[in-house]
Amino acid sequence: MKDGNKELVAVSLTPMILMILRQGKSYGYEIIQQLKEKSGGKLEVAEGTLYPVLKKMEEKGWITAAWSTADNGRERRYYTLTKKGGENLETQVAQWNSFHQIIQRLWNPGISIFSGLL
């Protein structure tokens, strides 16, 4: 995020990338553009931030990568979500939803923090 918390962006990046790849294969620059577009321009991820995350996700078996020639003749490395990555995304989304509920309840102190979570 512009002037945002870099640690928060770092932990949020993995599920966001998995969500993008759930829609179909994509390459690095395209992922960066989709993140920027979906965030209304608030999230600008540098290549130096994205590629190490993609590498870690590939090592964990959450995505695969393959070189392919684009229509314009350029070689691009396309990333694809694996079954394992899809399952991991489901887990991460459930965790994020739980955290979101807790934050909302803390923000609105009249609501019990733990009601409905367990």
Protein backbone atom coordinates (compact mmCIF):
# COMPACT_ATOMS: atom_id res chain seq x y z
CA MET A 1 0.00 0.00 0.00
CA LYS A 2 1.15 3.49 -0.62
CA ASP A 3 2.68 4.63 2.66
CA GLY A 4 1.13 1.54 4.27
CA ASN A 5 2.34 -1.09 6.64
CA LYS A 6 4.81 -3.23 4.68
CA GLU A 7 4.44 -6.20 7.05
CA LEU A 8 0.67 -6.22 6.59
CA VAL A 9 1.08 -6.10 2.81
CA ALA A 10 3.62 -8.95 2.96
CA VAL A 11 1.31 -11.34 4.83
CA SER A 12 -1.67 -10.31 2.72
CA LEU A 13 0.08 -10.82 -0.60
CA THR A 14 -0.01 -14.63 -0.66
CA PRO A 15 -3.80 -15.04 -0.43
CA MET A 16 -4.32 -12.15 -2.85
CA ILE A 17 -2.04 -13.79 -5.43
CA LEU A 18 -3.77 -17.14 -4.93
CA MET A 19 -7.13 -15.44 -5.50
CA ILE A 20 -5.88 -13.95 -8.75
CA LEU A 21 -4.53 -17.31 -9.91
CA ARG A 22 -7.82 -18.97 -9.01
CA GLN A 23 -9.22 -17.07 -12.01
CA GLY A 24 -6.60 -18.58 -14.34
CA LYS A 25 -2.91 -18.54 -15.17
CA SER A 26 -1.08 -15.24 -15.06
CA TYR A 27 2.44 -13.79 -15.25
CA GLY A 28 4.23 -11.45 -12.84
CA TYR A 29 3.53 -8.06 -14.39
CA GLU A 30 -0.10 -9.00 -14.97
CA ILE A 31 -0.47 -10.02 -11.31
CA ILE A 32 0.98 -6.68 -10.23
CA GLN A 33 -1.47 -4.84 -12.48
CA GLN A 34 -4.42 -6.85 -11.20
CA LEU A 35 -3.47 -6.11 -7.59
CA LYS A 36 -3.23 -2.42 -8.42
CA GLU A 37 -6.54 -2.42 -10.30
CA LYS A 38 -8.49 -4.42 -7.70
CA SER A 39 -7.21 -2.15 -4.93
CA GLY A 40 -8.23 1.01 -6.75
CA GLY A 41 -4.57 1.96 -7.07
CA LYS A 42 -3.90 1.70 -3.32
CA LEU A 43 -1.71 -1.37 -3.59
CA GLU A 44 1.44 -1.09 -5.66
CA VAL A 45 3.60 -4.18 -5.43
CA ALA A 46 7.16 -4.00 -6.72
CA GLU A 47 8.61 -6.85 -8.78
CA GLY A 48 11.25 -7.29 -6.07
CA THR A 49 8.46 -7.99 -3.61
CA LEU A 50 6.30 -10.19 -5.85
CA TYR A 51 8.82 -12.65 -7.27
CA PRO A 52 10.20 -13.96 -3.94
CA VAL A 53 6.59 -14.59 -2.81
CA LEU A 54 5.85 -16.45 -6.05
CA LYS A 55 9.03 -18.51 -5.59
CA LYS A 56 8.04 -19.50 -2.03
CA MET A 57 4.55 -20.42 -3.19
CA GLU A 58 6.03 -22.56 -5.96
CA GLU A 59 8.35 -24.31 -3.47
CA LYS A 60 5.33 -25.10 -1.26
CA GLY A 61 3.50 -26.61 -4.22
CA TRP A 62 0.72 -24.01 -4.17
CA ILE A 63 1.48 -22.85 -7.72
CA THR A 64 3.35 -24.11 -10.76
CA ALA A 65 5.34 -22.00 -13.19
CA ALA A 66 6.08 -22.52 -16.87
CA TRP A 67 7.70 -20.40 -19.56
CA SER A 68 5.53 -19.61 -22.57
CA THR A 69 5.68 -17.28 -25.54
CA ALA A 70 3.06 -14.52 -25.48
CA ASP A 71 1.23 -13.26 -28.58
CA ASN A 72 3.77 -10.44 -28.88
CA GLY A 73 6.63 -12.96 -29.02
CA ARG A 74 7.93 -12.26 -25.51
CA GLU A 75 8.81 -15.11 -23.20
CA ARG A 76 6.84 -14.97 -19.98
CA ARG A 77 6.71 -17.17 -16.92
CA TYR A 78 3.08 -18.07 -16.29
CA TYR A 79 1.91 -19.13 -12.84
CA THR A 80 -0.97 -21.54 -12.25
CA LEU A 81 -2.80 -22.44 -9.05
CA THR A 82 -2.48 -26.09 -8.00
CA LYS A 83 -5.05 -28.15 -6.11
CA LYS A 84 -2.88 -27.82 -3.00
CA GLY A 85 -2.79 -24.05 -3.51
CA GLY A 86 -6.56 -23.91 -3.84
CA GLU A 87 -6.96 -25.85 -0.61
CA ASN A 88 -4.49 -23.54 1.10
CA LEU A 89 -6.40 -20.52 -0.18
CA GLU A 90 -9.62 -21.87 1.37
CA THR A 91 -7.82 -22.18 4.72
CA GLN A 92 -6.31 -18.69 4.48
CA VAL A 93 -9.64 -17.11 3.56
CA ALA A 94 -11.30 -18.76 6.58
CA GLN A 95 -8.50 -17.45 8.82
CA TRP A 96 -8.74 -13.93 7.35
CA ASN A 97 -12.50 -13.95 7.84
CA SER A 98 -12.04 -14.90 11.50
CA PHE A 99 -9.49 -12.11 11.99
CA HIS A 100 -11.81 -9.66 10.26
CA GLN A 101 -14.65 -10.59 12.60
CA ILE A 102 -12.42 -10.11 15.64
CA ILE A 103 -11.22 -6.72 14.40
CA GLN A 104 -14.81 -5.63 13.72
CA ARG A 105 -15.86 -6.71 17.20
CA LEU A 106 -12.93 -4.91 18.79
CA TRP A 107 -13.72 -1.82 16.75
CA ASN A 108 -17.35 -2.01 17.95
CA PRO A 109 -16.88 -2.85 21.64
CA GLY A 110 -20.60 -3.46 22.24
CA ILE A 111 -20.27 -6.76 20.36
CA SER A 112 -18.82 -9.82 22.10
CA ILE A 113 -15.40 -10.64 20.67
CA PHE A 114 -15.89 -14.40 20.67
CA SER A 115 -19.59 -14.89 19.94
CA GLY A 116 -20.03 -17.00 16.85
CA LEU A 117 -16.31 -17.67 16.33
CA LEU A 118 -16.00 -21.02 18.06
